Amino acid sequence: MFSCEKRAIAALEVLLAAGADVNARVTDTSSYTARIARSSSMTDRQGQTAIFGAAQGRRVAIVRFLLDHGAKVDVTDDMGRTLLAAAKGGAGGRGTAAPPEIVALIEARLRGEVR
């Protein structure tokens, strides 16, 4: 595991201990308060949860951590895109596909298997 993943997991542990919701959804990407000076892929992320970013960021350890702490795999974002679609590179941002291990983890959870 990369040291940045270790630090991210440590931060996630603190957030979860403080009551953060692992399934909280991205909101407010299009209001005046959310606008930034240049175009952003954030508006493509409305309704996504943390596991979408971890999957598209190719962070296997973080995806596994989120799954182990209750992240839902059957969630869709506000545009109707699924987590599995995101893992395969089709849910906003740069469209980067996740490693096969992440796709396999998500597919296993969708089938009700714990890996």
C-alpha atoms as a PDB file:
ATOM      1  CA  MET A   1       0.000   0.000   0.000  1.00  0.00           C
ATOM      2  CA  PHE A   2       1.303   3.459  -0.913  1.00  0.00           C
ATOM      3  CA  SER A   3       1.946   5.876   1.938  1.00  0.00           C
ATOM      4  CA  CYS A   4      -0.674   8.283   0.553  1.00  0.00           C
ATOM      5  CA  GLU A   5      -3.233   5.468   0.816  1.00  0.00           C
ATOM      6  CA  LYS A   6      -2.175   4.834   4.425  1.00  0.00           C
ATOM      7  CA  ARG A   7      -2.644   8.517   5.213  1.00  0.00           C
ATOM      8  CA  ALA A   8      -6.005   8.593   3.452  1.00  0.00           C
ATOM      9  CA  ILE A   9      -7.196   5.556   5.397  1.00  0.00           C
ATOM     10  CA  ALA A  10      -6.008   7.129   8.662  1.00  0.00           C
ATOM     11  CA  ALA A  11      -8.018  10.251   7.783  1.00  0.00           C
ATOM     12  CA  LEU A  12     -11.048   8.126   6.899  1.00  0.00           C
ATOM     13  CA  GLU A  13     -10.796   6.348  10.260  1.00  0.00           C
ATOM     14  CA  VAL A  14     -10.860   9.699  12.062  1.00  0.00           C
ATOM     15  CA  LEU A  15     -13.819  10.890   9.996  1.00  0.00           C
ATOM     16  CA  LEU A  16     -15.788   7.691  10.563  1.00  0.00           C
ATOM     17  CA  ALA A  17     -15.042   7.797  14.307  1.00  0.00           C
ATOM     18  CA  ALA A  18     -16.421  11.352  14.313  1.00  0.00           C
ATOM     19  CA  GLY A  19     -19.646  10.179  12.684  1.00  0.00           C
ATOM     20  CA  ALA A  20     -19.024  10.759   8.976  1.00  0.00           C
ATOM     21  CA  ASP A  21     -21.300   8.883   6.575  1.00  0.00           C
ATOM     22  CA  VAL A  22     -19.331   6.621   4.236  1.00  0.00           C
ATOM     23  CA  ASN A  23     -22.247   6.868   1.794  1.00  0.00           C
ATOM     24  CA  ALA A  24     -22.615  10.662   1.818  1.00  0.00           C
ATOM     25  CA  ARG A  25     -23.270  12.001  -1.675  1.00  0.00           C
ATOM     26  CA  VAL A  26     -21.622  14.916  -3.466  1.00  0.00           C
ATOM     27  CA  THR A  27     -24.081  17.801  -3.581  1.00  0.00           C
ATOM     28  CA  ASP A  28     -24.132  21.461  -4.581  1.00  0.00           C
ATOM     29  CA  THR A  29     -21.864  21.228  -7.633  1.00  0.00           C
ATOM     30  CA  SER A  30     -23.789  23.728  -9.697  1.00  0.00           C
ATOM     31  CA  SER A  31     -24.913  26.568  -7.404  1.00  0.00           C
ATOM     32  CA  TYR A  32     -23.232  29.945  -7.244  1.00  0.00           C
ATOM     33  CA  THR A  33     -21.370  28.871  -4.106  1.00  0.00           C
ATOM     34  CA  ALA A  34     -19.902  25.866  -5.910  1.00  0.00           C
ATOM     35  CA  ARG A  35     -18.625  27.695  -8.985  1.00  0.00           C
ATOM     36  CA  ILE A  36     -14.930  28.138  -9.587  1.00  0.00           C
ATOM     37  CA  ALA A  37     -13.092  30.273 -12.112  1.00  0.00           C
ATOM     38  CA  ARG A  38     -12.558  27.527 -14.691  1.00  0.00           C
ATOM     39  CA  SER A  39     -14.570  24.638 -15.995  1.00  0.00           C
ATOM     40  CA  SER A  40     -14.584  21.678 -13.651  1.00  0.00           C
ATOM     41  CA  SER A  41     -15.366  17.988 -13.796  1.00  0.00           C
ATOM     42  CA  MET A  42     -16.984  18.298 -10.363  1.00  0.00           C
ATOM     43  CA  THR A  43     -20.387  18.989 -11.912  1.00  0.00           C
ATOM     44  CA  ASP A  44     -20.109  15.481 -13.399  1.00  0.00           C
ATOM     45  CA  ARG A  45     -19.891  14.076  -9.871  1.00  0.00           C
ATOM     46  CA  GLN A  46     -23.238  15.211  -8.443  1.00  0.00           C
ATOM     47  CA  GLY A  47     -24.661  12.397  -6.313  1.00  0.00           C
ATOM     48  CA  GLN A  48     -21.507  10.280  -6.232  1.00  0.00           C
ATOM     49  CA  THR A  49     -20.065   8.861  -3.004  1.00  0.00           C
ATOM     50  CA  ALA A  50     -16.481   8.525  -1.778  1.00  0.00           C
ATOM     51  CA  ILE A  51     -16.096   5.084  -3.305  1.00  0.00           C
ATOM     52  CA  PHE A  52     -16.634   6.536  -6.796  1.00  0.00           C
ATOM     53  CA  GLY A  53     -13.549   8.718  -6.346  1.00  0.00           C
ATOM     54  CA  ALA A  54     -11.500   5.932  -4.808  1.00  0.00           C
ATOM     55  CA  ALA A  55     -12.378   3.582  -7.663  1.00  0.00           C
ATOM     56  CA  GLN A  56     -11.606   6.133 -10.361  1.00  0.00           C
ATOM     57  CA  GLY A  57      -8.470   7.139  -8.476  1.00  0.00           C
ATOM     58  CA  ARG A  58      -7.276   3.536  -8.764  1.00  0.00           C
ATOM     59  CA  ARG A  59      -6.889   3.197  -4.967  1.00  0.00           C
ATOM     60  CA  VAL A  60      -7.466  -0.486  -4.224  1.00  0.00           C
ATOM     61  CA  ALA A  61      -6.768  -0.248  -0.481  1.00  0.00           C
ATOM     62  CA  ILE A  62      -9.144   2.691  -0.072  1.00  0.00           C
ATOM     63  CA  VAL A  63     -11.899   0.962  -2.058  1.00  0.00           C
ATOM     64  CA  ARG A  64     -11.474  -2.129   0.127  1.00  0.00           C
ATOM     65  CA  PHE A  65     -11.539   0.035   3.296  1.00  0.00           C
ATOM     66  CA  LEU A  66     -14.725   1.802   2.193  1.00  0.00           C
ATOM     67  CA  LEU A  67     -16.380  -1.509   1.312  1.00  0.00           C
ATOM     68  CA  ASP A  68     -15.383  -2.969   4.670  1.00  0.00           C
ATOM     69  CA  HIS A  69     -16.949   0.055   6.372  1.00  0.00           C
ATOM     70  CA  GLY A  70     -20.320  -0.089   4.659  1.00  0.00           C
ATOM     71  CA  ALA A  71     -19.904   1.674   1.333  1.00  0.00           C
ATOM     72  CA  LYS A  72     -22.817   0.802  -0.924  1.00  0.00           C
ATOM     73  CA  VAL A  73     -22.039  -0.652  -4.341  1.00  0.00           C
ATOM     74  CA  ASP A  74     -25.547  -0.358  -5.768  1.00  0.00           C
ATOM     75  CA  VAL A  75     -25.566   3.436  -5.673  1.00  0.00           C
ATOM     76  CA  THR A  76     -26.087   5.591  -8.763  1.00  0.00           C
ATOM     77  CA  ASP A  77     -25.171   9.238  -9.172  1.00  0.00           C
ATOM     78  CA  ASP A  78     -27.596  11.974 -10.194  1.00  0.00           C
ATOM     79  CA  MET A  79     -26.987  11.207 -13.873  1.00  0.00           C
ATOM     80  CA  GLY A  80     -27.881   7.533 -13.368  1.00  0.00           C
ATOM     81  CA  ARG A  81     -24.319   6.221 -13.614  1.00  0.00           C
ATOM     82  CA  THR A  82     -23.413   3.285 -11.391  1.00  0.00           C
ATOM     83  CA  LEU A  83     -20.315   2.628  -9.323  1.00  0.00           C
ATOM     84  CA  LEU A  84     -19.466  -0.244 -11.661  1.00  0.00           C
ATOM     85  CA  ALA A  85     -19.653   2.140 -14.625  1.00  0.00           C
ATOM     86  CA  ALA A  86     -17.334   4.526 -12.772  1.00  0.00           C
ATOM     87  CA  ALA A  87     -14.865   1.717 -12.090  1.00  0.00           C
ATOM     88  CA  LYS A  88     -14.892   0.922 -15.787  1.00  0.00           C
ATOM     89  CA  GLY A  89     -14.147   4.573 -16.621  1.00  0.00           C
ATOM     90  CA  GLY A  90     -17.606   5.887 -17.450  1.00  0.00           C
ATOM     91  CA  ALA A  91     -18.728   8.269 -14.738  1.00  0.00           C
ATOM     92  CA  GLY A  92     -17.262  11.717 -15.157  1.00  0.00           C
ATOM     93  CA  GLY A  93     -13.849  13.140 -14.446  1.00  0.00           C
ATOM     94  CA  ARG A  94     -11.020  11.870 -16.615  1.00  0.00           C
ATOM     95  CA  GLY A  95     -12.814   8.616 -17.382  1.00  0.00           C
ATOM     96  CA  THR A  96      -9.937   6.504 -16.121  1.00  0.00           C
ATOM     97  CA  ALA A  97     -10.776   2.840 -15.673  1.00  0.00           C
ATOM     98  CA  ALA A  98      -9.934   1.261 -12.330  1.00  0.00           C
ATOM     99  CA  PRO A  99      -7.612  -1.746 -12.061  1.00  0.00           C
ATOM    100  CA  PRO A 100      -9.311  -5.122 -12.597  1.00  0.00           C
ATOM    101  CA  GLU A 101      -9.023  -5.839  -8.852  1.00  0.00           C
ATOM    102  CA  ILE A 102     -11.343  -2.930  -8.040  1.00  0.00           C
ATOM    103  CA  VAL A 103     -13.849  -3.960 -10.704  1.00  0.00           C
ATOM    104  CA  ALA A 104     -13.771  -7.533  -9.313  1.00  0.00           C
ATOM    105  CA  LEU A 105     -14.349  -6.265  -5.747  1.00  0.00           C
ATOM    106  CA  ILE A 106     -17.369  -4.236  -6.836  1.00  0.00           C
ATOM    107  CA  GLU A 107     -18.805  -7.047  -8.946  1.00  0.00           C
ATOM    108  CA  ALA A 108     -18.372  -9.512  -6.054  1.00  0.00           C
ATOM    109  CA  ARG A 109     -20.209  -7.162  -3.658  1.00  0.00           C
ATOM    110  CA  LEU A 110     -22.981  -6.677  -6.203  1.00  0.00           C
ATOM    111  CA  ARG A 111     -23.406 -10.470  -6.217  1.00  0.00           C
ATOM    112  CA  GLY A 112     -23.499 -10.446  -2.400  1.00  0.00           C
ATOM    113  CA  GLU A 113     -20.035 -11.912  -1.959  1.00  0.00           C
ATOM    114  CA  VAL A 114     -17.557 -10.479   0.512  1.00  0.00           C
ATOM    115  CA  ARG A 115     -13.938 -10.537  -0.671  1.00  0.00           C
END
